[in-house]
Amino acid sequence: MSMRPGWRAWAVWAAGLTAYVVAVLHRTSLGVAGLDAQNRFHVGAGALASFAVLQLLVYAGLQVPVGLLLDRFGSLRLVVSGGLIMAAGQGLMATTHGVEGAVIARILVGAGDAMTFISVLRLVPRWFPARRVPVLTQLTGIVGQAGQVLSAVPLAALLAGPGWTTAFFGAAGAGVFVSIVAFAAMRDTPARKISSGAPVTVRQLGTDLAGAWRHPGTRLGLWSHFTTQFTGTVFALMWGFPFLIAGEGLARPTASALLTLFVLVGMAAGPIIGMLVQRYPLRRSYLVLGIVAINAIGWGLVLAWPGHAPMPVLVLLVLALGLGGPGSMIGFDYARTFNPANRLGTATGVVNVGGFVASLVSIELIGLILDWRTGGRADYDITDFKIAMSVQYLVIFVGVLGIVRNRRLARLHLESEGVVVRPLRVVLAERRGLAKSRAVKARSLVEENRVEATGQRRT
């Protein structure tokens, strides 16, 4: 593969990226429409959360099957199919007035969404040289989050103006459009072949799945994705808008601006994190744990603040949460570097389950706590939200345990292959010692030059 990808590679990636942007729009549309959905379907917070949980459950449950299909059928077929399925779901959402129709609509959105992201990720190592993969993986995940801007601004404006039906039909139209673009512009490989691969037995599929799961590097990727992604997903997909409007008392435009900032932070941080991953591949877990700590501190400031948090504190929260998306991309880099190419789709699917399982558990728990606090009514106050949002710390704790345990196992596996990851404190101590030695040597050289110069003047 050429070290400089041509225009065709960038066109394929752009087509896939466009499909992912619209998939994120579909995924997050219910969060922006949350309060409107409660009025339209006459449901409480727990039932509303169940819509999003079901959508995520379908998404997470299909990740491994989709990964297996991806290894066999390639990205193009899955991206086109996913776009059309999501469009059908949004079209149903536009017309239904009953809970049953809304449930089916969110199932369709979750199923189509499940086919998109890992299929687009699969294109990157197929079309670009390995040295570009970490940064382009970050860009895929982060630029794709522009779909949240589309839901937070244009979709929210359509909901507030023309109304529910127009907004969701518009989203459905976008899904059809990107499916057409993907079909016209995307190819699975530079050879332009759409291959179904060799016939695969159920036994072989099970073997690939077991092989991906057994590797501690895959599980480290899963737990990294689990812990970094969910806080931002909970905020953007379901509870951020209600928290900011009903809890903190912000106006819709202000809440939309904060959600837009959330996306922009991720876009800015993604390339930086990608370059750090590329430069320090053996220290990726420290990046993950650092981002998790920043997320926890951000929520801690808001939850501990008496009453309504001031705008600067809310901005700090959004800045912290915005790092979670690019942080979760590190999980996919673990999948890429610890698995052979023939099971990369399967391993990527396994990793992608993590963050969405954490998200659906958190979303449902928050909804249940809000219903418990208000008796099922939608008249929340800031105290209700603070108590409900605190449940995220339990999920963070579980995730950190998973990261630490599987990091140790992954390093033992690397040692068996002759790669020793020395403790960071040892490396830093050696570097400090080397720097100190260089400084002493430099001072000695300066002193020698000074003495020599003094001697020359005396003679």
Protein backbone atom coordinates (compact mmCIF):
# COMPACT_ATOMS: atom_id res chain seq x y z
CA MET A 1 0.00 0.00 0.00
CA SER A 2 1.31 3.47 -0.88
CA MET A 3 2.40 5.62 2.04
CA ARG A 4 0.42 8.49 0.48
CA PRO A 5 -3.22 7.50 -0.01
CA GLY A 6 -4.81 8.84 -3.18
CA TRP A 7 -8.02 10.75 -3.72
CA ARG A 8 -10.00 7.53 -3.97
CA ALA A 9 -9.09 6.53 -0.41
CA TRP A 10 -10.18 9.91 0.91
CA ALA A 11 -13.43 9.74 -1.08
CA VAL A 12 -14.27 6.29 0.32
CA TRP A 13 -13.51 7.44 3.85
CA ALA A 14 -15.55 10.62 3.38
CA ALA A 15 -18.56 8.61 2.16
CA GLY A 16 -18.34 6.30 5.15
CA LEU A 17 -17.84 9.23 7.50
CA THR A 18 -20.95 10.95 6.14
CA ALA A 19 -22.96 7.80 6.79
CA TYR A 20 -21.66 7.72 10.36
CA VAL A 21 -22.50 11.40 10.95
CA VAL A 22 -26.12 10.71 10.01
CA ALA A 23 -26.14 7.53 12.13
CA VAL A 24 -25.16 9.63 15.15
CA LEU A 25 -27.96 12.06 14.28
CA HIS A 26 -30.42 9.15 14.38
CA ARG A 27 -28.88 7.76 17.57
CA THR A 28 -29.12 11.02 19.53
CA SER A 29 -32.42 12.30 18.14
CA LEU A 30 -34.45 10.94 21.05
CA GLY A 31 -32.32 12.83 23.59
CA VAL A 32 -33.12 16.17 21.96
CA ALA A 33 -36.79 15.17 21.63
CA GLY A 34 -37.01 13.70 25.13
CA LEU A 35 -39.41 16.22 26.68
CA ASP A 36 -41.50 16.32 23.48
CA ALA A 37 -41.61 12.51 23.47
CA GLN A 38 -42.94 12.43 27.03
CA ASN A 39 -45.81 14.68 25.98
CA ARG A 40 -46.48 12.87 22.69
CA PHE A 41 -46.52 9.36 24.14
CA HIS A 42 -47.72 10.28 27.66
CA VAL A 43 -44.91 8.42 29.43
CA GLY A 44 -42.72 9.07 32.46
CA ALA A 45 -38.94 9.23 32.73
CA GLY A 46 -38.55 5.49 33.28
CA ALA A 47 -40.55 4.57 30.17
CA LEU A 48 -38.77 7.23 28.11
CA ALA A 49 -35.42 5.89 29.28
CA SER A 50 -36.58 2.42 28.24
CA PHE A 51 -36.87 3.63 24.63
CA ALA A 52 -33.21 4.65 24.63
CA VAL A 53 -32.17 1.56 26.59
CA LEU A 54 -33.91 -0.70 24.09
CA GLN A 55 -32.22 1.13 21.23
CA LEU A 56 -28.82 0.69 22.88
CA LEU A 57 -29.59 -2.90 23.82
CA VAL A 58 -30.27 -3.72 20.17
CA TYR A 59 -27.13 -1.82 19.17
CA ALA A 60 -24.92 -3.58 21.71
CA GLY A 61 -26.49 -6.98 21.13
CA LEU A 62 -25.83 -6.79 17.40
CA GLN A 63 -22.19 -5.69 17.64
CA VAL A 64 -20.72 -9.18 17.65
CA PRO A 65 -23.04 -10.56 14.91
CA VAL A 66 -22.37 -7.46 12.82
CA GLY A 67 -18.63 -7.89 13.36
CA LEU A 68 -18.85 -11.45 12.10
CA LEU A 69 -20.89 -10.30 9.08
CA LEU A 70 -18.39 -7.51 8.46
CA ASP A 71 -15.49 -9.96 8.27
CA ARG A 72 -17.48 -11.92 5.67
CA PHE A 73 -19.40 -9.35 3.59
CA GLY A 74 -17.42 -6.11 3.91
CA SER A 75 -18.32 -2.53 4.81
CA LEU A 76 -20.34 -1.37 1.81
CA ARG A 77 -23.27 -3.75 2.16
CA LEU A 78 -23.59 -3.13 5.88
CA VAL A 79 -23.38 0.67 5.65
CA VAL A 80 -26.04 0.87 2.92
CA SER A 81 -28.33 -1.57 4.72
CA GLY A 82 -27.86 0.22 8.03
CA GLY A 83 -28.71 3.61 6.54
CA LEU A 84 -31.95 2.35 5.03
CA ILE A 85 -32.99 0.56 8.22
CA MET A 86 -32.43 3.71 10.29
CA ALA A 87 -34.39 5.76 7.76
CA ALA A 88 -37.30 3.34 8.11
CA GLY A 89 -37.15 3.71 11.90
CA GLN A 90 -37.19 7.49 11.77
CA GLY A 91 -40.05 7.46 9.27
CA LEU A 92 -42.06 5.31 11.66
CA MET A 93 -41.14 7.65 14.54
CA ALA A 94 -42.49 10.58 12.52
CA THR A 95 -45.95 9.05 12.12
CA THR A 96 -46.61 6.99 15.23
CA HIS A 97 -48.55 8.25 18.23
CA GLY A 98 -48.37 5.03 20.26
CA VAL A 99 -45.72 3.57 22.50
CA GLU A 100 -45.63 0.34 20.47
CA GLY A 101 -44.74 2.20 17.28
CA ALA A 102 -42.06 4.21 19.08
CA VAL A 103 -40.53 1.01 20.45
CA ILE A 104 -40.34 -0.56 16.97
CA ALA A 105 -38.88 2.67 15.59
CA ARG A 106 -36.08 2.74 18.16
CA ILE A 107 -35.34 -0.95 17.53
CA LEU A 108 -34.88 -0.18 13.84
CA VAL A 109 -32.66 2.81 14.62
CA GLY A 110 -30.52 0.70 16.96
CA ALA A 111 -30.19 -2.11 14.41
CA GLY A 112 -29.15 0.19 11.56
CA ASP A 113 -26.80 2.13 13.81
CA ALA A 114 -25.12 -1.12 14.84
CA MET A 115 -24.08 -1.75 11.24
CA THR A 116 -22.46 1.61 10.60
CA PHE A 117 -19.60 2.61 12.88
CA ILE A 118 -17.49 -0.55 12.93
CA SER A 119 -18.05 -0.91 9.17
CA VAL A 120 -16.62 2.56 8.60
CA LEU A 121 -13.72 1.85 10.97
CA ARG A 122 -12.92 -1.27 8.95
CA LEU A 123 -12.31 0.89 5.88
CA VAL A 124 -9.44 2.79 7.50
CA PRO A 125 -6.78 0.01 7.65
CA ARG A 126 -7.96 -1.26 4.25
CA TRP A 127 -7.34 2.08 2.50
CA PHE A 128 -4.62 3.83 4.52
CA PRO A 129 -1.08 2.95 5.68
CA ALA A 130 -0.70 1.72 9.26
CA ARG A 131 1.00 4.89 10.49
CA ARG A 132 -2.12 6.91 9.67
CA VAL A 133 -4.60 4.52 11.27
CA PRO A 134 -4.62 5.80 14.91
CA VAL A 135 -5.26 9.42 13.91
CA LEU A 136 -7.83 8.53 11.24
CA THR A 137 -9.61 6.24 13.69
CA GLN A 138 -9.88 9.18 16.06
CA LEU A 139 -11.10 11.45 13.28
CA THR A 140 -13.72 8.91 12.24
CA GLY A 141 -15.14 8.74 15.74
CA ILE A 142 -14.92 12.43 16.48
CA VAL A 143 -15.99 13.98 13.19
CA GLY A 144 -18.86 11.53 13.23
CA GLN A 145 -20.08 13.19 16.40
CA ALA A 146 -21.07 16.15 14.25
CA GLY A 147 -24.31 14.21 14.05
CA GLN A 148 -24.94 15.37 17.60
CA VAL A 149 -24.72 18.95 16.38
CA LEU A 150 -27.31 18.12 13.72
CA SER A 151 -29.64 16.78 16.39
CA ALA A 152 -28.89 19.53 18.91
CA VAL A 153 -29.41 22.42 16.48
CA PRO A 154 -31.35 21.77 13.22
CA LEU A 155 -33.40 18.86 14.56
CA ALA A 156 -34.16 20.74 17.78
CA ALA A 157 -35.17 23.77 15.70
CA LEU A 158 -37.50 21.64 13.57
CA LEU A 159 -39.06 20.18 16.70
CA ALA A 160 -39.64 23.66 18.12
CA GLY A 161 -40.93 24.99 14.77
CA PRO A 162 -42.68 22.79 12.19
CA GLY A 163 -42.96 20.03 14.77
CA TRP A 164 -42.39 16.34 15.43
CA THR A 165 -43.46 14.85 12.09
CA THR A 166 -41.39 17.22 9.94
CA ALA A 167 -38.32 16.77 12.15
CA PHE A 168 -38.30 12.98 12.01
CA PHE A 169 -39.21 12.78 8.32
CA GLY A 170 -36.24 15.07 7.70
CA ALA A 171 -34.01 12.66 9.61
CA ALA A 172 -35.40 9.75 7.57
CA GLY A 173 -34.62 11.60 4.34
CA ALA A 174 -31.04 12.13 5.47
CA GLY A 175 -30.73 8.39 6.04
CA VAL A 176 -31.87 7.57 2.51
CA PHE A 177 -29.51 10.19 1.07
CA VAL A 178 -26.37 8.86 2.78
CA SER A 179 -27.24 5.30 1.74
CA ILE A 180 -27.26 6.43 -1.89
CA VAL A 181 -23.95 8.27 -1.41
CA ALA A 182 -22.36 5.22 0.21
CA PHE A 183 -23.54 2.92 -2.57
CA ALA A 184 -22.10 5.26 -5.21
CA ALA A 185 -18.77 6.14 -3.59
CA MET A 186 -17.70 3.38 -1.20
CA ARG A 187 -15.62 0.30 -1.97
CA ASP A 188 -14.44 -2.33 0.50
CA THR A 189 -10.85 -2.45 -0.79
CA PRO A 190 -8.67 -0.56 -3.28
CA ALA A 191 -9.22 -3.51 -5.65
CA ARG A 192 -12.89 -2.39 -5.80
CA LYS A 193 -14.11 -5.89 -5.07
CA ILE A 194 -17.20 -6.51 -2.98
CA SER A 195 -16.34 -9.98 -1.76
CA SER A 196 -18.46 -12.25 0.38
CA GLY A 197 -15.33 -14.07 1.40
CA ALA A 198 -14.88 -17.80 1.73
CA PRO A 199 -17.79 -19.87 3.04
CA VAL A 200 -17.76 -19.79 6.84
CA THR A 201 -19.26 -22.37 9.15
CA VAL A 202 -20.95 -21.66 12.46
CA ARG A 203 -18.04 -23.44 14.12
CA GLN A 204 -15.58 -21.04 12.45
CA LEU A 205 -17.62 -18.02 13.56
CA GLY A 206 -17.57 -19.34 17.10
CA THR A 207 -13.83 -19.91 16.88
CA ASP A 208 -13.22 -16.33 15.69
CA LEU A 209 -15.40 -14.91 18.45
CA ALA A 210 -13.75 -17.04 21.12
CA GLY A 211 -10.30 -16.12 19.85
CA ALA A 212 -11.07 -12.41 19.99
CA TRP A 213 -12.59 -12.64 23.47
CA ARG A 214 -9.83 -14.79 24.95
CA HIS A 215 -7.17 -12.23 24.16
CA PRO A 216 -6.79 -9.88 27.15
CA GLY A 217 -6.02 -7.04 24.74
CA THR A 218 -9.54 -7.28 23.32
CA ARG A 219 -11.03 -7.25 26.81
CA LEU A 220 -8.83 -4.30 27.75
CA GLY A 221 -10.27 -2.49 24.74
CA LEU A 222 -13.81 -3.40 25.82
CA TRP A 223 -13.34 -2.07 29.37
CA SER A 224 -11.59 1.06 28.08
CA HIS A 225 -14.55 1.73 25.79
CA PHE A 226 -16.99 0.85 28.60
CA THR A 227 -15.55 3.40 31.01
CA THR A 228 -14.65 6.33 28.77
CA GLN A 229 -17.65 6.44 26.48
CA PHE A 230 -20.73 6.02 28.65
CA THR A 231 -20.81 9.35 30.52
CA GLY A 232 -20.83 11.33 27.29
CA THR A 233 -23.34 8.98 25.67
CA VAL A 234 -25.72 9.25 28.64
CA PHE A 235 -25.43 13.03 28.40
CA ALA A 236 -25.84 13.35 24.62
CA LEU A 237 -28.21 10.48 23.93
CA MET A 238 -30.75 10.81 26.72
CA TRP A 239 -30.34 12.84 29.88
CA GLY A 240 -28.17 15.85 28.98
CA PHE A 241 -30.97 17.94 27.49
CA PRO A 242 -33.50 17.20 30.28
CA PHE A 243 -30.80 17.76 32.92
CA LEU A 244 -29.82 21.15 31.51
CA ILE A 245 -33.39 22.35 30.88
CA ALA A 246 -35.51 20.81 33.64
CA GLY A 247 -32.71 20.47 36.19
CA GLU A 248 -30.41 23.45 35.70
CA GLY A 249 -33.15 25.70 34.31
CA LEU A 250 -31.41 26.62 31.06
CA ALA A 251 -33.23 27.73 27.92
CA ARG A 252 -33.29 25.37 24.94
CA PRO A 253 -30.85 27.45 22.85
CA THR A 254 -28.36 27.50 25.73
CA ALA A 255 -28.67 23.75 26.24
CA SER A 256 -28.18 23.23 22.50
CA ALA A 257 -25.07 25.40 22.60
CA LEU A 258 -23.60 23.27 25.41
CA LEU A 259 -24.29 20.07 23.49
CA THR A 260 -22.61 21.63 20.46
CA LEU A 261 -19.60 22.53 22.61
CA PHE A 262 -19.51 18.90 23.78
CA VAL A 263 -19.07 17.80 20.18
CA LEU A 264 -16.51 20.48 19.32
CA VAL A 265 -14.36 19.53 22.31
CA GLY A 266 -14.26 15.95 21.10
CA MET A 267 -13.34 17.05 17.60
CA ALA A 268 -10.47 19.15 18.92
CA ALA A 269 -9.20 16.51 21.34
CA GLY A 270 -9.47 13.54 18.97
CA PRO A 271 -6.43 14.22 16.75
CA ILE A 272 -4.30 15.04 19.81
CA ILE A 273 -5.24 11.79 21.52
CA GLY A 274 -4.66 9.93 18.25
CA MET A 275 -1.13 11.33 17.98
CA LEU A 276 -0.40 10.42 21.61
CA VAL A 277 -1.62 6.86 20.98
CA GLN A 278 0.58 6.69 17.88
CA ARG A 279 3.63 7.97 19.76
CA TYR A 280 3.15 6.06 23.04
CA PRO A 281 1.34 2.81 22.15
CA LEU A 282 2.47 1.06 25.33
CA ARG A 283 1.02 3.82 27.55
CA ARG A 284 -2.50 3.94 26.16
CA SER A 285 -4.08 2.82 29.43
CA TYR A 286 -2.76 5.92 31.21
CA LEU A 287 -4.60 8.09 28.70
CA VAL A 288 -7.76 6.08 29.31
CA LEU A 289 -7.54 6.32 33.10
CA GLY A 290 -6.70 10.02 32.93
CA ILE A 291 -9.79 10.74 30.83
CA VAL A 292 -11.96 8.70 33.20
CA ALA A 293 -10.63 10.74 36.13
CA ILE A 294 -11.39 14.01 34.33
CA ASN A 295 -14.96 12.84 33.62
CA ALA A 296 -15.46 11.91 37.27
CA ILE A 297 -14.11 15.26 38.47
CA GLY A 298 -16.33 17.16 36.02
CA TRP A 299 -19.48 15.51 37.30
CA GLY A 300 -18.25 15.85 40.88
CA LEU A 301 -18.05 19.64 40.56
CA VAL A 302 -21.61 19.90 39.24
CA LEU A 303 -23.15 17.43 41.67
CA ALA A 304 -21.42 18.93 44.71
CA TRP A 305 -22.31 22.51 43.81
CA PRO A 306 -25.11 23.87 46.04
CA GLY A 307 -28.27 24.35 43.98
CA HIS A 308 -27.92 25.20 40.31
CA ALA A 309 -24.37 25.16 38.99
CA PRO A 310 -23.15 28.40 37.39
CA MET A 311 -22.45 28.44 33.67
CA PRO A 312 -18.63 28.20 34.01
CA VAL A 313 -19.03 24.96 36.00
CA LEU A 314 -21.42 23.54 33.40
CA VAL A 315 -18.94 24.46 30.69
CA LEU A 316 -16.21 22.61 32.61
CA LEU A 317 -18.49 19.57 32.79
CA VAL A 318 -19.05 19.65 29.03
CA LEU A 319 -15.32 20.07 28.40
CA ALA A 320 -14.63 17.02 30.57
CA LEU A 321 -17.33 14.88 28.99
CA GLY A 322 -16.17 15.85 25.51
CA LEU A 323 -12.94 13.90 26.08
CA GLY A 324 -14.81 10.64 26.58
CA GLY A 325 -15.61 10.06 22.90
CA PRO A 326 -12.02 10.30 21.63
CA GLY A 327 -10.88 8.39 24.70
CA SER A 328 -13.15 5.50 23.80
CA MET A 329 -11.46 5.22 20.39
CA ILE A 330 -8.39 3.88 22.20
CA GLY A 331 -10.40 0.71 22.80
CA PHE A 332 -10.56 0.10 19.05
CA ASP A 333 -6.81 0.63 18.78
CA TYR A 334 -6.38 -2.19 21.30
CA ALA A 335 -8.58 -4.40 19.09
CA ARG A 336 -6.52 -3.51 16.02
CA THR A 337 -3.11 -4.13 17.56
CA PHE A 338 -3.94 -7.30 19.50
CA ASN A 339 -5.89 -9.20 16.80
CA PRO A 340 -5.09 -10.53 13.31
CA ALA A 341 -6.76 -8.88 10.32
CA ASN A 342 -9.13 -11.80 9.65
CA ARG A 343 -10.95 -11.26 12.95
CA LEU A 344 -10.60 -7.49 13.27
CA GLY A 345 -14.31 -6.91 12.62
CA THR A 346 -15.24 -9.41 15.32
CA ALA A 347 -12.83 -7.89 17.86
CA THR A 348 -14.02 -4.37 17.04
CA GLY A 349 -17.61 -5.47 17.60
CA VAL A 350 -16.69 -6.95 20.98
CA VAL A 351 -15.01 -3.70 22.04
CA ASN A 352 -17.93 -1.59 20.85
CA VAL A 353 -20.31 -3.50 23.12
CA GLY A 354 -18.61 -2.07 26.20
CA GLY A 355 -19.54 1.59 26.12
CA PHE A 356 -23.09 0.95 25.03
CA VAL A 357 -23.76 -1.64 27.73
CA ALA A 358 -22.51 0.88 30.29
CA SER A 359 -24.66 3.57 28.69
CA LEU A 360 -27.89 1.58 28.61
CA VAL A 361 -27.46 0.49 32.24
CA SER A 362 -26.80 4.08 33.32
CA ILE A 363 -29.66 5.54 31.27
CA GLU A 364 -32.17 3.09 32.72
CA LEU A 365 -30.95 3.52 36.30
CA ILE A 366 -31.14 7.31 36.02
CA GLY A 367 -34.68 7.08 34.64
CA LEU A 368 -35.80 4.73 37.40
CA ILE A 369 -34.32 6.97 40.10
CA LEU A 370 -36.04 10.03 38.62
CA ASP A 371 -39.38 8.18 38.57
CA TRP A 372 -38.81 7.07 42.17
CA ARG A 373 -38.10 10.66 43.20
CA THR A 374 -41.12 12.20 41.42
CA GLY A 375 -43.64 9.37 41.41
CA GLY A 376 -43.52 9.14 37.61
CA ARG A 377 -44.23 12.83 37.00
CA ALA A 378 -42.05 14.94 34.72
CA ASP A 379 -41.62 17.81 37.22
CA TYR A 380 -37.99 17.22 38.14
CA ASP A 381 -35.84 19.57 40.17
CA ILE A 382 -32.08 19.84 40.44
CA THR A 383 -31.92 17.62 43.53
CA ASP A 384 -33.68 14.81 41.68
CA PHE A 385 -31.16 14.99 38.87
CA LYS A 386 -28.16 15.17 41.20
CA ILE A 387 -29.22 12.01 43.01
CA ALA A 388 -29.95 10.21 39.74
CA MET A 389 -26.75 11.26 37.98
CA SER A 390 -24.63 10.07 40.92
CA VAL A 391 -25.26 6.46 39.86
CA GLN A 392 -22.65 6.95 37.13
CA TYR A 393 -19.89 6.65 39.72
CA LEU A 394 -20.83 3.02 40.32
CA VAL A 395 -20.38 2.28 36.61
CA ILE A 396 -17.05 4.14 36.59
CA PHE A 397 -15.82 2.03 39.52
CA VAL A 398 -16.71 -1.24 37.77
CA GLY A 399 -15.04 -0.06 34.56
CA VAL A 400 -11.79 0.98 36.23
CA LEU A 401 -11.54 -2.43 37.89
CA GLY A 402 -11.94 -4.06 34.46
CA ILE A 403 -9.25 -1.83 32.93
CA VAL A 404 -6.69 -2.44 35.66
CA ARG A 405 -7.20 -6.21 35.70
CA ASN A 406 -7.05 -6.71 31.95
CA ARG A 407 -4.13 -4.31 31.56
CA ARG A 408 -2.12 -6.59 33.83
CA LEU A 409 -3.17 -9.66 31.81
CA ALA A 410 -2.39 -7.94 28.50
CA ARG A 411 1.08 -6.99 29.70
CA LEU A 412 1.73 -10.58 30.80
CA HIS A 413 0.71 -11.69 27.31
CA LEU A 414 3.10 -9.18 25.77
CA GLU A 415 5.90 -10.42 28.03
CA SER A 416 5.31 -13.95 26.74
CA GLU A 417 5.96 -12.54 23.26
CA GLY A 418 9.13 -10.77 24.36
CA VAL A 419 7.69 -7.27 24.82
CA VAL A 420 8.25 -5.96 28.34
CA VAL A 421 6.29 -2.89 29.43
CA ARG A 422 8.28 -1.35 32.23
CA PRO A 423 6.42 0.54 34.98
CA LEU A 424 5.95 4.19 34.09
CA ARG A 425 7.50 5.35 37.36
CA VAL A 426 10.71 3.49 36.48
CA VAL A 427 10.86 5.04 33.02
CA LEU A 428 10.23 8.52 34.41
CA ALA A 429 12.87 8.02 37.10
CA GLU A 430 15.41 6.94 34.49
CA ARG A 431 14.59 9.95 32.34
CA ARG A 432 14.96 12.26 35.32
CA GLY A 433 18.28 10.61 36.11
CA LEU A 434 19.42 10.95 32.50
CA ALA A 435 18.36 14.58 32.41
CA LYS A 436 20.19 15.22 35.67
CA SER A 437 23.31 13.49 34.34
CA ARG A 438 23.20 15.60 31.19
CA ALA A 439 22.80 18.75 33.26
CA VAL A 440 25.81 17.83 35.43
CA LYS A 441 27.85 17.05 32.34
CA ALA A 442 26.85 20.36 30.77
CA ARG A 443 27.83 22.27 33.92
CA SER A 444 31.17 20.44 34.03
CA LEU A 445 31.83 21.36 30.42
CA VAL A 446 30.99 25.01 31.11
CA GLU A 447 33.30 24.98 34.13
CA GLU A 448 36.13 23.42 32.10
CA ASN A 449 35.71 26.06 29.41
CA ARG A 450 35.71 28.80 32.03
CA VAL A 451 38.89 27.49 33.67
CA GLU A 452 40.56 27.10 30.29
CA ALA A 453 39.60 30.65 29.32
CA THR A 454 40.92 32.00 32.65
CA GLY A 455 44.23 30.19 32.13
CA GLN A 456 44.62 31.62 28.65
CA ARG A 457 44.08 35.16 29.93
CA ARG A 458 46.76 34.67 32.62
CA THR A 459 49.28 33.50 30.09
